[in-house]
């Protein structure tokens, strides 16, 4: 029982930290002056979970919300 309580407390802390991180990110986005006009590394890193490179011309970007975009740079 003590082990389960410890796991639950650890999970609770993890969720609290994740929520705080998301709220800070949203605050940063709201502070932007209009639409982004150029690449912003911080925003890109905050929004993406991973990138998968299949070849020089074929990549996939998976966002933190689970959406995935496959980009074909061929032709």
PDB file of N, CA and C in Angstrom:
ATOM      1  N   UNK A   1       0.832  -1.193   0.000  1.00  0.00           N
ATOM      2  CA  UNK A   1       0.000   0.000   0.000  1.00  0.00           C
ATOM      3  C   UNK A   1       0.875   1.254   0.000  1.00  0.00           C
ATOM      4  N   UNK A   2       1.966   1.194   0.760  1.00  0.00           N
ATOM      5  CA  UNK A   2       2.866   2.340   0.832  1.00  0.00           C
ATOM      6  C   UNK A   2       3.504   2.613  -0.535  1.00  0.00           C
ATOM      7  N   UNK A   3       3.839   1.559  -1.242  1.00  0.00           N
ATOM      8  CA  UNK A   3       4.421   1.677  -2.574  1.00  0.00           C
ATOM      9  C   UNK A   3       3.431   2.330  -3.541  1.00  0.00           C
ATOM     10  N   UNK A   4       2.189   1.937  -3.485  1.00  0.00           N
ATOM     11  CA  UNK A   4       1.161   2.523  -4.356  1.00  0.00           C
ATOM     12  C   UNK A   4       0.953   3.994  -4.050  1.00  0.00           C
ATOM     13  N   UNK A   5       1.009   4.354  -2.767  1.00  0.00           N
ATOM     14  CA  UNK A   5       0.862   5.753  -2.372  1.00  0.00           C
ATOM     15  C   UNK A   5       2.026   6.575  -2.921  1.00  0.00           C
ATOM     16  N   UNK A   6       3.226   6.045  -2.814  1.00  0.00           N
ATOM     17  CA  UNK A   6       4.400   6.733  -3.333  1.00  0.00           C
ATOM     18  C   UNK A   6       4.288   6.923  -4.839  1.00  0.00           C
ATOM     19  N   UNK A   7       3.852   5.894  -5.558  1.00  0.00           N
ATOM     20  CA  UNK A   7       3.658   5.990  -7.008  1.00  0.00           C
ATOM     21  C   UNK A   7       2.623   7.058  -7.350  1.00  0.00           C
ATOM     22  N   UNK A   8       1.546   7.084  -6.598  1.00  0.00           N
ATOM     23  CA  UNK A   8       0.491   8.063  -6.851  1.00  0.00           C
ATOM     24  C   UNK A   8       0.997   9.483  -6.605  1.00  0.00           C
ATOM     25  N   UNK A   9       1.773   9.676  -5.552  1.00  0.00           N
ATOM     26  CA  UNK A   9       2.326  11.000  -5.255  1.00  0.00           C
ATOM     27  C   UNK A   9       3.312  11.435  -6.338  1.00  0.00           C
ATOM     28  N   UNK A  10       4.116  10.496  -6.814  1.00  0.00           N
ATOM     29  CA  UNK A  10       5.075  10.793  -7.877  1.00  0.00           C
ATOM     30  C   UNK A  10       4.341  11.187  -9.151  1.00  0.00           C
ATOM     31  N   UNK A  11       3.303  10.451  -9.491  1.00  0.00           N
ATOM     32  CA  UNK A  11       2.510  10.758 -10.676  1.00  0.00           C
ATOM     33  C   UNK A  11       1.830  12.119 -10.533  1.00  0.00           C
ATOM     34  N   UNK A  12       1.338  12.414  -9.365  1.00  0.00           N
ATOM     35  CA  UNK A  12       0.694  13.710  -9.120  1.00  0.00           C
ATOM     36  C   UNK A  12       1.694  14.844  -9.345  1.00  0.00           C
ATOM     37  N   UNK A  13       2.904  14.703  -8.816  1.00  0.00           N
ATOM     38  CA  UNK A  13       3.940  15.726  -8.999  1.00  0.00           C
ATOM     39  C   UNK A  13       4.300  15.880 -10.480  1.00  0.00           C
ATOM     40  N   UNK A  14       4.397  14.766 -11.192  1.00  0.00           N
ATOM     41  CA  UNK A  14       4.719  14.809 -12.617  1.00  0.00           C
ATOM     42  C   UNK A  14       3.649  15.584 -13.386  1.00  0.00           C
ATOM     43  N   UNK A  15       2.402  15.342 -13.053  1.00  0.00           N
ATOM     44  CA  UNK A  15       1.304  16.036 -13.731  1.00  0.00           C
ATOM     45  C   UNK A  15       1.283  17.521 -13.390  1.00  0.00           C
ATOM     46  N   UNK A  16       1.569  17.859 -12.149  1.00  0.00           N
ATOM     47  CA  UNK A  16       1.617  19.266 -11.747  1.00  0.00           C
ATOM     48  C   UNK A  16       2.715  19.998 -12.513  1.00  0.00           C
ATOM     49  N   UNK A  17       3.891  19.389 -12.600  1.00  0.00           N
ATOM     50  CA  UNK A  17       4.996  20.007 -13.333  1.00  0.00           C
ATOM     51  C   UNK A  17       4.662  20.156 -14.812  1.00  0.00           C
ATOM     52  N   UNK A  18       4.038  19.145 -15.388  1.00  0.00           N
ATOM     53  CA  UNK A  18       3.654  19.209 -16.803  1.00  0.00           C
ATOM     54  C   UNK A  18       2.643  20.328 -17.033  1.00  0.00           C
ATOM     55  N   UNK A  19       1.681  20.448 -16.138  1.00  0.00           N
ATOM     56  CA  UNK A  19       0.676  21.504 -16.259  1.00  0.00           C
ATOM     57  C   UNK A  19       1.339  22.872 -16.193  1.00  0.00           C
ATOM     58  N   UNK A  20       2.268  23.064 -15.263  1.00  0.00           N
ATOM     59  CA  UNK A  20       2.962  24.341 -15.133  1.00  0.00           C
ATOM     60  C   UNK A  20       3.756  24.660 -16.405  1.00  0.00           C
ATOM     61  N   UNK A  21       4.399  23.659 -16.960  1.00  0.00           N
ATOM     62  CA  UNK A  21       5.180  23.845 -18.185  1.00  0.00           C
ATOM     63  C   UNK A  21       4.271  24.251 -19.347  1.00  0.00           C
ATOM     64  N   UNK A  22       3.121  23.602 -19.460  1.00  0.00           N
ATOM     65  CA  UNK A  22       2.168  23.925 -20.522  1.00  0.00           C
ATOM     66  C   UNK A  22       1.630  25.341 -20.338  1.00  0.00           C
ATOM     67  N   UNK A  23       1.302  25.711 -19.123  1.00  0.00           N
ATOM     68  CA  UNK A  23       0.781  27.057 -18.868  1.00  0.00           C
ATOM     69  C   UNK A  23       1.815  28.132 -19.191  1.00  0.00           C
ATOM     70  N   UNK A  24       3.098  27.876 -18.866  1.00  0.00           N
ATOM     71  CA  UNK A  24       4.153  28.834 -19.216  1.00  0.00           C
ATOM     72  C   UNK A  24       4.273  28.967 -20.728  1.00  0.00           C
ATOM     73  N   UNK A  25       4.204  27.832 -21.426  1.00  0.00           N
ATOM     74  CA  UNK A  25       4.271  27.856 -22.884  1.00  0.00           C
ATOM     75  C   UNK A  25       3.110  28.660 -23.466  1.00  0.00           C
ATOM     76  N   UNK A  26       1.902  28.434 -22.970  1.00  0.00           N
ATOM     77  CA  UNK A  26       0.742  29.177 -23.463  1.00  0.00           C
ATOM     78  C   UNK A  26       0.888  30.668 -23.190  1.00  0.00           C
ATOM     79  N   UNK A  27       1.397  31.028 -22.035  1.00  0.00           N
ATOM     80  CA  UNK A  27       1.650  32.440 -21.726  1.00  0.00           C
ATOM     81  C   UNK A  27       2.633  33.046 -22.712  1.00  0.00           C
ATOM     82  N   UNK A  28       3.682  32.294 -23.038  1.00  0.00           N
ATOM     83  CA  UNK A  28       4.668  32.771 -24.012  1.00  0.00           C
ATOM     84  C   UNK A  28       4.034  32.966 -25.383  1.00  0.00           C
ATOM     85  N   UNK A  29       3.174  32.031 -25.791  1.00  0.00           N
ATOM     86  CA  UNK A  29       2.504  32.168 -27.087  1.00  0.00           C
ATOM     87  C   UNK A  29       1.583  33.381 -27.100  1.00  0.00           C
ATOM     88  N   UNK A  30       0.870  33.584 -26.028  1.00  0.00           N
ATOM     89  CA  UNK A  30      -0.043  34.732 -25.955  1.00  0.00           C
ATOM     90  C   UNK A  30       0.718  36.055 -25.973  1.00  0.00           C
ATOM     91  N   UNK A  31       1.943  36.049 -25.489  1.00  0.00           N
ATOM     92  CA  UNK A  31       2.757  37.266 -25.451  1.00  0.00           C
ATOM     93  C   UNK A  31       3.323  37.626 -26.820  1.00  0.00           C
ATOM     94  N   UNK A  32       3.252  36.704 -27.781  1.00  0.00           N
ATOM     95  CA  UNK A  32       3.750  36.986 -29.124  1.00  0.00           C
ATOM     96  C   UNK A  32       2.940  38.124 -29.736  1.00  0.00           C
ATOM     97  N   UNK A  33       3.620  38.949 -30.486  1.00  0.00           N
ATOM     98  CA  UNK A  33       2.967  40.068 -31.145  1.00  0.00           C
ATOM     99  C   UNK A  33       2.446  39.603 -32.505  1.00  0.00           C
ATOM    100  N   UNK A  34       1.224  39.084 -32.527  1.00  0.00           N
ATOM    101  CA  UNK A  34       0.649  38.598 -33.767  1.00  0.00           C
ATOM    102  C   UNK A  34       1.201  37.238 -34.158  1.00  0.00           C
ATOM    103  N   UNK A  35       1.105  36.931 -35.438  1.00  0.00           N
ATOM    104  CA  UNK A  35       1.596  35.658 -35.956  1.00  0.00           C
ATOM    105  C   UNK A  35       3.114  35.676 -36.022  1.00  0.00           C
ATOM    106  N   UNK A  36       3.708  34.514 -35.841  1.00  0.00           N
ATOM    107  CA  UNK A  36       5.157  34.411 -35.981  1.00  0.00           C
ATOM    108  C   UNK A  36       5.530  34.675 -37.435  1.00  0.00           C
ATOM    109  N   UNK A  37       6.526  35.493 -37.633  1.00  0.00           N
ATOM    110  CA  UNK A  37       6.958  35.840 -38.981  1.00  0.00           C
ATOM    111  C   UNK A  37       8.224  35.095 -39.392  1.00  0.00           C
ATOM    112  N   UNK A  38       8.876  34.467 -38.433  1.00  0.00           N
ATOM    113  CA  UNK A  38      10.090  33.720 -38.727  1.00  0.00           C
ATOM    114  C   UNK A  38      10.153  32.503 -37.804  1.00  0.00           C
ATOM    115  N   UNK A  39      11.065  31.610 -38.126  1.00  0.00           N
ATOM    116  CA  UNK A  39      11.218  30.394 -37.333  1.00  0.00           C
ATOM    117  C   UNK A  39      11.628  30.736 -35.911  1.00  0.00           C
ATOM    118  N   UNK A  40      10.958  30.117 -34.941  1.00  0.00           N
ATOM    119  CA  UNK A  40      11.280  30.309 -33.533  1.00  0.00           C
ATOM    120  C   UNK A  40      11.593  28.935 -32.935  1.00  0.00           C
ATOM    121  N   UNK A  41      12.854  28.713 -32.639  1.00  0.00           N
ATOM    122  CA  UNK A  41      13.289  27.399 -32.154  1.00  0.00           C
ATOM    123  C   UNK A  41      12.579  27.002 -30.868  1.00  0.00           C
ATOM    124  N   UNK A  42      12.410  27.943 -29.935  1.00  0.00           N
ATOM    125  CA  UNK A  42      11.749  27.639 -28.661  1.00  0.00           C
ATOM    126  C   UNK A  42      10.336  27.103 -28.901  1.00  0.00           C
ATOM    127  N   UNK A  43       9.586  27.788 -29.755  1.00  0.00           N
ATOM    128  CA  UNK A  43       8.213  27.377 -30.035  1.00  0.00           C
ATOM    129  C   UNK A  43       8.194  26.019 -30.721  1.00  0.00           C
ATOM    130  N   UNK A  44       9.087  25.827 -31.682  1.00  0.00           N
ATOM    131  CA  UNK A  44       9.154  24.554 -32.389  1.00  0.00           C
ATOM    132  C   UNK A  44       9.442  23.406 -31.421  1.00  0.00           C
ATOM    133  N   UNK A  45      10.437  23.591 -30.566  1.00  0.00           N
ATOM    134  CA  UNK A  45      10.788  22.534 -29.606  1.00  0.00           C
ATOM    135  C   UNK A  45       9.665  22.264 -28.611  1.00  0.00           C
ATOM    136  N   UNK A  46       8.970  23.311 -28.214  1.00  0.00           N
ATOM    137  CA  UNK A  46       7.888  23.155 -27.246  1.00  0.00           C
ATOM    138  C   UNK A  46       6.698  22.419 -27.840  1.00  0.00           C
ATOM    139  N   UNK A  47       6.495  22.541 -29.152  1.00  0.00           N
ATOM    140  CA  UNK A  47       5.328  21.952 -29.784  1.00  0.00           C
ATOM    141  C   UNK A  47       5.564  20.552 -30.328  1.00  0.00           C
ATOM    142  N   UNK A  48       6.819  20.179 -30.572  1.00  0.00           N
ATOM    143  CA  UNK A  48       7.083  18.898 -31.214  1.00  0.00           C
ATOM    144  C   UNK A  48       7.532  17.829 -30.230  1.00  0.00           C
ATOM    145  N   UNK A  49       7.039  16.648 -30.452  1.00  0.00           N
ATOM    146  CA  UNK A  49       7.415  15.475 -29.665  1.00  0.00           C
ATOM    147  C   UNK A  49       8.666  14.836 -30.265  1.00  0.00           C
ATOM    148  N   UNK A  50       8.606  14.632 -31.621  1.00  0.00           N
ATOM    149  CA  UNK A  50       9.745  14.011 -32.296  1.00  0.00           C
ATOM    150  C   UNK A  50       9.631  14.233 -33.800  1.00  0.00           C
ATOM    151  N   UNK A  51      10.764  14.032 -34.447  1.00  0.00           N
ATOM    152  CA  UNK A  51      10.819  14.051 -35.907  1.00  0.00           C
ATOM    153  C   UNK A  51      11.414  12.716 -36.348  1.00  0.00           C
ATOM    154  N   UNK A  52      10.851  12.135 -37.393  1.00  0.00           N
ATOM    155  CA  UNK A  52      11.356  10.885 -37.933  1.00  0.00           C
ATOM    156  C   UNK A  52      11.802  11.146 -39.365  1.00  0.00           C
ATOM    157  N   UNK A  53      13.046  10.807 -39.647  1.00  0.00           N
ATOM    158  CA  UNK A  53      13.588  11.004 -40.984  1.00  0.00           C
ATOM    159  C   UNK A  53      13.634   9.646 -41.676  1.00  0.00           C
ATOM    160  N   UNK A  54      12.865   9.543 -42.742  1.00  0.00           N
ATOM    161  CA  UNK A  54      12.826   8.306 -43.518  1.00  0.00           C
ATOM    162  C   UNK A  54      13.865   8.333 -44.636  1.00  0.00           C
ATOM    163  N   UNK A  55      14.074   9.518 -45.177  1.00  0.00           N
ATOM    164  CA  UNK A  55      15.084   9.721 -46.220  1.00  0.00           C
ATOM    165  C   UNK A  55      15.363  11.222 -46.287  1.00  0.00           C
ATOM    166  N   UNK A  56      16.240  11.630 -47.193  1.00  0.00           N
ATOM    167  CA  UNK A  56      16.560  13.054 -47.341  1.00  0.00           C
ATOM    168  C   UNK A  56      15.325  13.883 -47.679  1.00  0.00           C
ATOM    169  N   UNK A  57      14.357  13.252 -48.314  1.00  0.00           N
ATOM    170  CA  UNK A  57      13.197  13.984 -48.808  1.00  0.00           C
ATOM    171  C   UNK A  57      11.876  13.611 -48.128  1.00  0.00           C
ATOM    172  N   UNK A  58      11.936  12.765 -47.132  1.00  0.00           N
ATOM    173  CA  UNK A  58      10.715  12.273 -46.495  1.00  0.00           C
ATOM    174  C   UNK A  58      10.882  12.282 -44.979  1.00  0.00           C
ATOM    175  N   UNK A  59      10.149  13.189 -44.311  1.00  0.00           N
ATOM    176  CA  UNK A  59      10.223  13.288 -42.848  1.00  0.00           C
ATOM    177  C   UNK A  59       8.820  13.316 -42.257  1.00  0.00           C
ATOM    178  N   UNK A  60       8.752  13.017 -40.982  1.00  0.00           N
ATOM    179  CA  UNK A  60       7.499  13.052 -40.243  1.00  0.00           C
ATOM    180  C   UNK A  60       7.727  13.840 -38.958  1.00  0.00           C
ATOM    181  N   UNK A  61       6.795  14.744 -38.653  1.00  0.00           N
ATOM    182  CA  UNK A  61       6.859  15.524 -37.418  1.00  0.00           C
ATOM    183  C   UNK A  61       5.667  15.121 -36.561  1.00  0.00           C
ATOM    184  N   UNK A  62       5.937  14.683 -35.335  1.00  0.00           N
ATOM    185  CA  UNK A  62       4.881  14.324 -34.394  1.00  0.00           C
ATOM    186  C   UNK A  62       4.819  15.398 -33.324  1.00  0.00           C
ATOM    187  N   UNK A  63       3.643  16.001 -33.179  1.00  0.00           N
ATOM    188  CA  UNK A  63       3.456  17.074 -32.213  1.00  0.00           C
ATOM    189  C   UNK A  63       3.054  16.510 -30.859  1.00  0.00           C
ATOM    190  N   UNK A  64       3.216  17.309 -29.832  1.00  0.00           N
ATOM    191  CA  UNK A  64       2.929  16.857 -28.463  1.00  0.00           C
ATOM    192  C   UNK A  64       1.464  16.485 -28.263  1.00  0.00           C
ATOM    193  N   UNK A  65       0.575  17.022 -29.094  1.00  0.00           N
ATOM    194  CA  UNK A  65      -0.838  16.670 -28.953  1.00  0.00           C
ATOM    195  C   UNK A  65      -1.191  15.369 -29.679  1.00  0.00           C
ATOM    196  N   UNK A  66      -0.169  14.730 -30.297  1.00  0.00           N
ATOM    197  CA  UNK A  66      -0.391  13.455 -30.958  1.00  0.00           C
ATOM    198  C   UNK A  66      -0.551  13.544 -32.463  1.00  0.00           C
ATOM    199  N   UNK A  67      -0.816  14.734 -32.991  1.00  0.00           N
ATOM    200  CA  UNK A  67      -0.936  14.889 -34.445  1.00  0.00           C
ATOM    201  C   UNK A  67       0.404  14.641 -35.113  1.00  0.00           C
ATOM    202  N   UNK A  68       0.338  14.052 -36.301  1.00  0.00           N
ATOM    203  CA  UNK A  68       1.551  13.763 -37.051  1.00  0.00           C
ATOM    204  C   UNK A  68       1.402  14.321 -38.462  1.00  0.00           C
ATOM    205  N   UNK A  69       2.458  14.976 -38.936  1.00  0.00           N
ATOM    206  CA  UNK A  69       2.469  15.529 -40.288  1.00  0.00           C
ATOM    207  C   UNK A  69       3.655  14.897 -41.016  1.00  0.00           C
ATOM    208  N   UNK A  70       3.356  14.298 -42.149  1.00  0.00           N
ATOM    209  CA  UNK A  70       4.411  13.701 -42.968  1.00  0.00           C
ATOM    210  C   UNK A  70       4.691  14.658 -44.112  1.00  0.00           C
ATOM    211  N   UNK A  71       5.963  14.978 -44.307  1.00  0.00           N
ATOM    212  CA  UNK A  71       6.356  15.950 -45.317  1.00  0.00           C
ATOM    213  C   UNK A  71       7.207  15.251 -46.376  1.00  0.00           C
ATOM    214  N   UNK A  72       6.790  15.382 -47.623  1.00  0.00           N
ATOM    215  CA  UNK A  72       7.537  14.830 -48.748  1.00  0.00           C
ATOM    216  C   UNK A  72       8.205  15.989 -49.466  1.00  0.00           C
ATOM    217  N   UNK A  73       9.524  16.079 -49.352  1.00  0.00           N
ATOM    218  CA  UNK A  73      10.284  17.166 -49.957  1.00  0.00           C
ATOM    219  C   UNK A  73      10.768  16.817 -51.357  1.00  0.00           C
ATOM    220  N   UNK A  74      10.254  15.740 -51.901  1.00  0.00           N
ATOM    221  CA  UNK A  74      10.668  15.272 -53.215  1.00  0.00           C
ATOM    222  C   UNK A  74      10.150  16.133 -54.353  1.00  0.00           C
ATOM    223  N   UNK A  75      10.535  15.752 -55.540  1.00  0.00           N
ATOM    224  CA  UNK A  75      10.112  16.361 -56.799  1.00  0.00           C
ATOM    225  C   UNK A  75      10.944  17.490 -57.236  1.00  0.00           C
TER     226      UNK A  75
END
